[in-house]
Amino acid sequence: MTQLEQRTPSVRPKMGKDTGTAETDENYDLVSVLYHCLKAADACSQYVADAEDAGDDELVDFFDEARQVQNRLASRARELLAQRLADAAEASDEES
């Protein structure tokens, strides 16, 4: 077993609905994916600039494509999160 396998459980333990926050596990996960995709897209922008400085068009194209993929994933996570939060707010209003 590698060190990474020892540190990383193969199955994420279920925390139930009590995550220690007001959000569900799923919403927290969406926020996390959104954050990490935006950070990755930002890093790819720097990598594009580095590749441009090096005159490496192949890497410019690759890092730009990676940036676009990360931005698309971030947009999808944002849409899903917005819809889920709107649904939760609507359900909360109906309970009141």
N, C-alpha and C. Protein backbone atom coordinates (compact mmCIF):
# COMPACT_ATOMS: atom_id res chain seq x y z
N MET A 1 0.85 -1.18 0.00
CA MET A 1 0.00 0.00 0.00
C MET A 1 0.89 1.24 0.00
N THR A 2 0.58 2.21 -0.88
CA THR A 2 1.37 3.43 -0.95
C THR A 2 1.03 4.35 0.22
N GLN A 3 1.89 5.34 0.43
CA GLN A 3 1.61 6.31 1.50
C GLN A 3 0.31 7.06 1.24
N LEU A 4 0.04 7.39 -0.03
CA LEU A 4 -1.19 8.10 -0.35
C LEU A 4 -2.40 7.23 -0.02
N GLU A 5 -2.36 5.94 -0.36
CA GLU A 5 -3.46 5.04 -0.05
C GLU A 5 -3.67 4.91 1.44
N GLN A 6 -2.58 4.96 2.21
CA GLN A 6 -2.69 4.87 3.66
C GLN A 6 -3.36 6.11 4.25
N ARG A 7 -3.09 7.26 3.65
CA ARG A 7 -3.65 8.52 4.15
C ARG A 7 -5.05 8.79 3.65
N THR A 8 -5.42 8.22 2.50
CA THR A 8 -6.69 8.52 1.86
C THR A 8 -7.62 7.33 1.96
N PRO A 9 -8.70 7.45 2.71
CA PRO A 9 -9.64 6.33 2.78
C PRO A 9 -10.28 6.09 1.42
N SER A 10 -10.53 4.81 1.10
CA SER A 10 -11.11 4.49 -0.20
C SER A 10 -12.57 4.90 -0.27
N VAL A 11 -13.24 4.94 0.86
CA VAL A 11 -14.64 5.34 0.90
C VAL A 11 -14.75 6.45 1.94
N ARG A 12 -15.32 7.56 1.51
CA ARG A 12 -15.49 8.69 2.43
C ARG A 12 -16.51 8.32 3.49
N PRO A 13 -16.15 8.49 4.75
CA PRO A 13 -17.11 8.14 5.80
C PRO A 13 -18.32 9.07 5.74
N LYS A 14 -19.47 8.50 5.97
CA LYS A 14 -20.69 9.30 5.96
C LYS A 14 -20.77 10.11 7.24
N MET A 15 -21.03 11.37 7.08
CA MET A 15 -21.13 12.26 8.22
C MET A 15 -22.59 12.52 8.58
N GLY A 16 -23.50 11.95 7.83
CA GLY A 16 -24.90 12.24 8.08
C GLY A 16 -25.19 13.68 7.67
N LYS A 17 -26.17 14.24 8.26
CA LYS A 17 -26.54 15.62 7.92
C LYS A 17 -25.83 16.64 8.80
N ASP A 18 -25.18 16.20 9.88
CA ASP A 18 -24.49 17.13 10.77
C ASP A 18 -23.05 17.29 10.33
N THR A 19 -22.79 18.31 9.50
CA THR A 19 -21.44 18.55 9.00
C THR A 19 -20.71 19.59 9.84
N GLY A 20 -21.37 20.12 10.84
CA GLY A 20 -20.76 21.18 11.63
C GLY A 20 -21.00 22.54 11.00
N THR A 21 -21.69 22.54 9.86
CA THR A 21 -22.05 23.78 9.19
C THR A 21 -23.54 23.76 8.94
N ALA A 22 -24.05 24.86 8.45
CA ALA A 22 -25.47 24.94 8.13
C ALA A 22 -25.78 24.29 6.78
N GLU A 23 -24.76 23.91 6.05
CA GLU A 23 -24.95 23.34 4.72
C GLU A 23 -24.89 21.82 4.74
N THR A 24 -25.54 21.21 3.76
CA THR A 24 -25.46 19.76 3.61
C THR A 24 -24.10 19.39 3.07
N ASP A 25 -23.76 18.13 3.19
CA ASP A 25 -22.50 17.63 2.62
C ASP A 25 -22.43 17.97 1.13
N GLU A 26 -23.54 17.78 0.43
CA GLU A 26 -23.55 17.98 -1.01
C GLU A 26 -23.29 19.44 -1.38
N ASN A 27 -23.91 20.36 -0.66
CA ASN A 27 -23.67 21.78 -0.95
C ASN A 27 -22.24 22.17 -0.61
N TYR A 28 -21.75 21.66 0.49
CA TYR A 28 -20.36 21.92 0.87
C TYR A 28 -19.42 21.40 -0.22
N ASP A 29 -19.71 20.20 -0.73
CA ASP A 29 -18.90 19.62 -1.79
C ASP A 29 -18.93 20.47 -3.05
N LEU A 30 -20.10 20.99 -3.39
CA LEU A 30 -20.20 21.86 -4.57
C LEU A 30 -19.38 23.13 -4.38
N VAL A 31 -19.44 23.70 -3.20
CA VAL A 31 -18.64 24.90 -2.91
C VAL A 31 -17.16 24.57 -3.05
N SER A 32 -16.77 23.42 -2.55
CA SER A 32 -15.37 23.00 -2.63
C SER A 32 -14.93 22.83 -4.09
N VAL A 33 -15.74 22.16 -4.89
CA VAL A 33 -15.41 21.98 -6.31
C VAL A 33 -15.34 23.34 -7.00
N LEU A 34 -16.28 24.21 -6.72
CA LEU A 34 -16.28 25.55 -7.32
C LEU A 34 -14.98 26.27 -6.98
N TYR A 35 -14.61 26.27 -5.72
CA TYR A 35 -13.39 26.94 -5.27
C TYR A 35 -12.16 26.36 -5.98
N HIS A 36 -12.05 25.04 -5.96
CA HIS A 36 -10.85 24.42 -6.53
C HIS A 36 -10.77 24.58 -8.04
N CYS A 37 -11.90 24.57 -8.72
CA CYS A 37 -11.89 24.82 -10.17
C CYS A 37 -11.45 26.24 -10.48
N LEU A 38 -11.95 27.20 -9.70
CA LEU A 38 -11.54 28.59 -9.93
C LEU A 38 -10.06 28.79 -9.64
N LYS A 39 -9.57 28.15 -8.57
CA LYS A 39 -8.14 28.23 -8.27
C LYS A 39 -7.31 27.60 -9.39
N ALA A 40 -7.77 26.47 -9.92
CA ALA A 40 -7.05 25.80 -11.01
C ALA A 40 -7.07 26.65 -12.27
N ALA A 41 -8.21 27.26 -12.56
CA ALA A 41 -8.30 28.13 -13.74
C ALA A 41 -7.35 29.31 -13.60
N ASP A 42 -7.27 29.86 -12.41
CA ASP A 42 -6.36 30.98 -12.16
C ASP A 42 -4.91 30.54 -12.36
N ALA A 43 -4.58 29.36 -11.84
CA ALA A 43 -3.22 28.84 -12.01
C ALA A 43 -2.93 28.62 -13.49
N CYS A 44 -3.88 28.08 -14.23
CA CYS A 44 -3.68 27.85 -15.66
C CYS A 44 -3.44 29.15 -16.41
N SER A 45 -4.06 30.24 -15.97
CA SER A 45 -3.80 31.54 -16.60
C SER A 45 -2.33 31.92 -16.46
N GLN A 46 -1.78 31.65 -15.29
CA GLN A 46 -0.35 31.93 -15.09
C GLN A 46 0.50 31.01 -15.96
N TYR A 47 0.09 29.74 -16.07
CA TYR A 47 0.84 28.79 -16.89
C TYR A 47 0.79 29.20 -18.36
N VAL A 48 -0.33 29.74 -18.81
CA VAL A 48 -0.43 30.24 -20.18
C VAL A 48 0.59 31.36 -20.38
N ALA A 49 0.64 32.29 -19.43
CA ALA A 49 1.59 33.41 -19.53
C ALA A 49 3.03 32.89 -19.54
N ASP A 50 3.32 31.90 -18.70
CA ASP A 50 4.66 31.33 -18.68
C ASP A 50 5.01 30.68 -20.01
N ALA A 51 4.07 29.95 -20.58
CA ALA A 51 4.30 29.28 -21.87
C ALA A 51 4.45 30.30 -22.99
N GLU A 52 3.67 31.38 -22.91
CA GLU A 52 3.82 32.46 -23.91
C GLU A 52 5.20 33.08 -23.82
N ASP A 53 5.65 33.33 -22.58
CA ASP A 53 6.99 33.89 -22.39
C ASP A 53 8.07 32.97 -22.94
N ALA A 54 7.83 31.65 -22.86
CA ALA A 54 8.80 30.68 -23.35
C ALA A 54 8.65 30.44 -24.85
N GLY A 55 7.59 31.02 -25.44
CA GLY A 55 7.36 30.83 -26.86
C GLY A 55 6.90 29.42 -27.21
N ASP A 56 6.27 28.74 -26.27
CA ASP A 56 5.82 27.36 -26.47
C ASP A 56 4.32 27.34 -26.77
N ASP A 57 3.99 27.41 -28.06
CA ASP A 57 2.58 27.48 -28.48
C ASP A 57 1.80 26.23 -28.10
N GLU A 58 2.46 25.08 -28.11
CA GLU A 58 1.77 23.84 -27.75
C GLU A 58 1.30 23.90 -26.30
N LEU A 59 2.16 24.38 -25.41
CA LEU A 59 1.76 24.49 -24.00
C LEU A 59 0.76 25.62 -23.79
N VAL A 60 0.88 26.68 -24.56
CA VAL A 60 -0.12 27.76 -24.47
C VAL A 60 -1.49 27.18 -24.75
N ASP A 61 -1.60 26.41 -25.83
CA ASP A 61 -2.89 25.81 -26.19
C ASP A 61 -3.38 24.84 -25.11
N PHE A 62 -2.47 24.01 -24.61
CA PHE A 62 -2.85 23.03 -23.59
C PHE A 62 -3.35 23.72 -22.33
N PHE A 63 -2.58 24.68 -21.80
CA PHE A 63 -2.97 25.33 -20.56
C PHE A 63 -4.23 26.18 -20.74
N ASP A 64 -4.42 26.75 -21.92
CA ASP A 64 -5.64 27.50 -22.18
C ASP A 64 -6.84 26.57 -22.21
N GLU A 65 -6.66 25.40 -22.82
CA GLU A 65 -7.74 24.40 -22.83
C GLU A 65 -8.06 23.95 -21.40
N ALA A 66 -7.03 23.71 -20.60
CA ALA A 66 -7.24 23.31 -19.20
C ALA A 66 -7.98 24.41 -18.44
N ARG A 67 -7.62 25.66 -18.69
CA ARG A 67 -8.30 26.79 -18.03
C ARG A 67 -9.78 26.82 -18.41
N GLN A 68 -10.06 26.60 -19.68
CA GLN A 68 -11.45 26.61 -20.14
C GLN A 68 -12.26 25.47 -19.51
N VAL A 69 -11.65 24.29 -19.42
CA VAL A 69 -12.33 23.15 -18.79
C VAL A 69 -12.65 23.47 -17.33
N GLN A 70 -11.68 24.02 -16.61
CA GLN A 70 -11.90 24.37 -15.20
C GLN A 70 -12.99 25.42 -15.05
N ASN A 71 -13.00 26.41 -15.94
CA ASN A 71 -14.05 27.44 -15.89
C ASN A 71 -15.43 26.86 -16.18
N ARG A 72 -15.51 25.91 -17.12
CA ARG A 72 -16.80 25.27 -17.39
C ARG A 72 -17.28 24.47 -16.18
N LEU A 73 -16.37 23.75 -15.55
CA LEU A 73 -16.75 23.00 -14.34
C LEU A 73 -17.19 23.94 -13.23
N ALA A 74 -16.49 25.05 -13.07
CA ALA A 74 -16.87 26.03 -12.05
C ALA A 74 -18.25 26.60 -12.34
N SER A 75 -18.53 26.89 -13.59
CA SER A 75 -19.85 27.42 -13.96
C SER A 75 -20.95 26.42 -13.65
N ARG A 76 -20.69 25.16 -13.96
CA ARG A 76 -21.68 24.11 -13.69
C ARG A 76 -21.89 23.95 -12.19
N ALA A 77 -20.82 23.96 -11.41
CA ALA A 77 -20.95 23.87 -9.96
C ALA A 77 -21.74 25.06 -9.42
N ARG A 78 -21.47 26.25 -9.95
CA ARG A 78 -22.18 27.47 -9.52
C ARG A 78 -23.68 27.34 -9.82
N GLU A 79 -24.00 26.84 -11.02
CA GLU A 79 -25.41 26.67 -11.39
C GLU A 79 -26.11 25.67 -10.47
N LEU A 80 -25.45 24.53 -10.24
CA LEU A 80 -26.05 23.51 -9.37
C LEU A 80 -26.24 24.04 -7.96
N LEU A 81 -25.24 24.74 -7.45
CA LEU A 81 -25.34 25.27 -6.10
C LEU A 81 -26.45 26.31 -6.00
N ALA A 82 -26.53 27.20 -6.97
CA ALA A 82 -27.57 28.23 -6.96
C ALA A 82 -28.96 27.59 -6.98
N GLN A 83 -29.14 26.57 -7.82
CA GLN A 83 -30.44 25.91 -7.89
C GLN A 83 -30.78 25.21 -6.59
N ARG A 84 -29.82 24.53 -6.01
CA ARG A 84 -30.07 23.81 -4.76
C ARG A 84 -30.36 24.77 -3.61
N LEU A 85 -29.66 25.89 -3.57
CA LEU A 85 -29.92 26.88 -2.52
C LEU A 85 -31.29 27.52 -2.71
N ALA A 86 -31.66 27.79 -3.96
CA ALA A 86 -32.99 28.35 -4.24
C ALA A 86 -34.08 27.35 -3.85
N ASP A 87 -33.88 26.08 -4.17
CA ASP A 87 -34.85 25.04 -3.79
C ASP A 87 -34.98 24.94 -2.29
N ALA A 88 -33.85 25.01 -1.59
CA ALA A 88 -33.87 24.93 -0.13
C ALA A 88 -34.59 26.13 0.47
N ALA A 89 -34.34 27.30 -0.09
CA ALA A 89 -35.02 28.52 0.41
C ALA A 89 -36.52 28.44 0.16
N GLU A 90 -36.89 27.92 -0.99
CA GLU A 90 -38.30 27.77 -1.31
C GLU A 90 -38.96 26.77 -0.36
N ALA A 91 -38.30 25.67 -0.10
CA ALA A 91 -38.83 24.67 0.82
C ALA A 91 -38.95 25.25 2.22
N SER A 92 -37.99 26.05 2.62
CA SER A 92 -38.02 26.68 3.94
C SER A 92 -39.18 27.66 4.03
N ASP A 93 -39.43 28.43 2.96
CA ASP A 93 -40.54 29.37 2.95
C ASP A 93 -41.88 28.65 3.04
N GLU A 94 -41.96 27.48 2.39
CA GLU A 94 -43.21 26.72 2.42
C GLU A 94 -43.48 26.15 3.82
N GLU A 95 -42.41 25.85 4.55
CA GLU A 95 -42.56 25.31 5.90
C GLU A 95 -43.00 26.39 6.88
N SER A 96 -42.74 27.64 6.57
CA SER A 96 -43.06 28.74 7.49
C SER A 96 -44.51 29.10 7.48
